[in-house]
Amino acid sequence: MVGYGDVLRVPEFRALFGGHSLTIAGKTMQQLALASLVFAVTRSPLLSAVAFLAGLLPQAIVALTVMSLADRLPPRAALTVWEAVRAVTLCGLASDALPVRAVLLAILLLGAGDAVAVAVRQAVLADVLGRDQYVPGRALLNIVVGVMQILGFAAGGVLVTSAGVSGALLAAALAALGAAGVSWFGLRPRPSRGPAAGAVRAAVRATWAGNRTLFADRRTRGLLLAHWLPNGLVVGAEALYVPYAGNTAGALFVAAGAGMLLGDVVVGRLTPELRGRLILPLSLLLAVPYLTFFVIPPGPGALAAVAVASFGFGSTLGVQERLVLAMPERLCGQGLGLAMSGMMTTQAVAASLTGAVAEITSTGTAMALAGAGSLLLTFALVAHVGPRWRARDRARKVESTVNYSRKSGVGIGEKTSDITEEIDGSVRCRRVLALVVSVFTALRQMTMMRHSNQLPVLVELLQEFRSAEWQRAEGYVLGRLRAEHDPEIGCSALPDEARIAINKVVGYFSGFGYFVYRGMAEESLVVPLIGYRASRAWDALEPFILREREIRGSDDKYANMYEDLVWRVRGHMPLDTSYGLRPHALTPAPEQGRLTKWLRKLWIPFRGAGDPRGMSGGA
């Protein structure tokens, strides 16, 4: 069995490995920086998701038009020149002088070139390693994707926080320049796999002819769909991490990268037979954990679900292995490029769809629906991802078996056994699907029951909030406390009026904080409701609370539940988008022209007393 060490001993593979590492690190910093920029400007989960994966949108157009360039360009020159172009473009984006539309357009253009560059790199990988070493080599490239995503998102988060979006984009440009240098000095010059690139029309014709050949074969077509669709929807859910988790989105990206890294390490070391049998279980693992986002808020549970699900990305190794075996060798570069471009396009489309769903519902619901869609698509493609890889249609197989038995009368037992095994597999898949639907329904019912149990507690606390006594206490804390008293005396030594007001406000918000901390009340219900007022009151009370803790001693955690609540609030600003709230807003009435005013004068006498707004049309 070929190991990772055997692959790493190939000098050109080490150059591909290094260039690929720098490219992925730069792209992750670029994605995080631009998604953060667009979300900060627009406050739209849809535009944020589109910015995160906008570079993937042109992949389908490139795959359908000029993807044959992957077999028609000299690999070393193509990779070097393109990385240099990426570096220059990222420097332009770092200037921070472009509007949001121009930024999205630049990302789209970068994505178009990336599609061909990825296909060129895949073709060179197949040339350098051969088919026997391709899967271990591809596994190592997948592994480095996980590592570089972790490092890239971590570095990108630090740079966005400390140096701003421009600093992160400049770092991505440096990574692109490094990848260009590694490609030029590490790869040997080699001719193109096909005819030299000529007119655009010839490249388009060659691309269409190759795509027709690939899609005409049922085996290749099914494997391409299996490579595109299930994990594409899951990546669409990942595109909502920023609006879902706010400032803690980087932790979710790191968890996803770590899970994918572990999956590629483990699956890449398996034998081809075992790797093929695990495609279906890993595809299910990729989707099922995202169903929990119907009920879990941002936090440790979400991190665990993302890490476990991302382990399932290891299924793509088995699909790619089957794809290499099924494709004609002369179309290897175009076929692998089509597989990668189609997957990235699906991811971009899925990100747009999940972003649109999040605008209507909530980010958690949209992510869970993406997981459910991935699960259903996996079952639909079970013939290509299942342990018994079959290319023929079952009806044809039944017909051929019956005809064969009528003619010869022998061998029917073995063929019938194969059919029975496939039918049993289909029945098992339907049973698993029924189980998933049942679990989903149970989770929704549990959520509804928990909300109904929380409602009396919230109603009682909100009744106190509306009381005149509490309103006076909050007004005193916000308007008079800091002006009339020195925080150095703490809380207990204050006069009665001030002390009672503090105890009332702190006790009120501490009660909410305790219910959220213990899971007795849903964070997504409580924090958007009172979060802004809790945070505002904390600013006035913080020096008094900290001094009171010093007076009482180090073991005393006075108002710690209140502090925990404020921490949750400030970690999810703005609250409406972080918790998926989309309240409707009234648009200002347009200024009325002369004709409109004249028509209103004619219409008013006929409206009578039935108009609840009166003759002015006001509130």
Foldseek 3Di string as FASTA:
>chain_A
DDALVNQVVQQLLVLLLLLLLLLLLLLLLLLVQQLVVVCVVPVALLLSLCSNQLLLQCLVVLLLAQLCVLQAAWLLVLLLVLLLVLLVLLLVVLVVPDDNVVSSVSSNVNSSSVLNNVLNSLLVLCVRQPLVCSLLSVLSSQLSSLVSLLVSLVVSLVCCVPVNSSRSSNSSSVSSNVSSVSSNVRDDTDGGNDHHDDDSNVSRVVSNVQVCVQCVAQLSVLLLCVLAALVLLLLLLLSSLCLQQPSCSSLLSNLLSQLLNVLSVVLSPDDLLVLLQCLLVLLLQLQQLLLCLVPDGPDPSSSVSSSRNSSSVSSSSSSVSSNCVPDDPSCSSSSVSSSVSSNSSSNSVSNSVLSVVLLVFNSSVSSSVSSVRSLVVSLVSCCNRHSPNDRDDLVVLVVVLVVVCVVPVPPSVVSVVVSVVVVVVNVVSVVVVVVSVVVSVVSVVVNVVLQVQCVVVVVVLVVVVPDPVLVVLLCCLLPPDVVPDDLLVAQPPDPPSNNVSVCSLLVSLLVVLVCCVVVSDPLLVPCVVCVVSLLSSCVSCVSNHVNNCVVVDVVDDPSVSSVNSNVSNVSNPPSCSNSSHNDDDDDDDDDDDPVRVVVLVVCQVVVPPPDPCPSVNDD
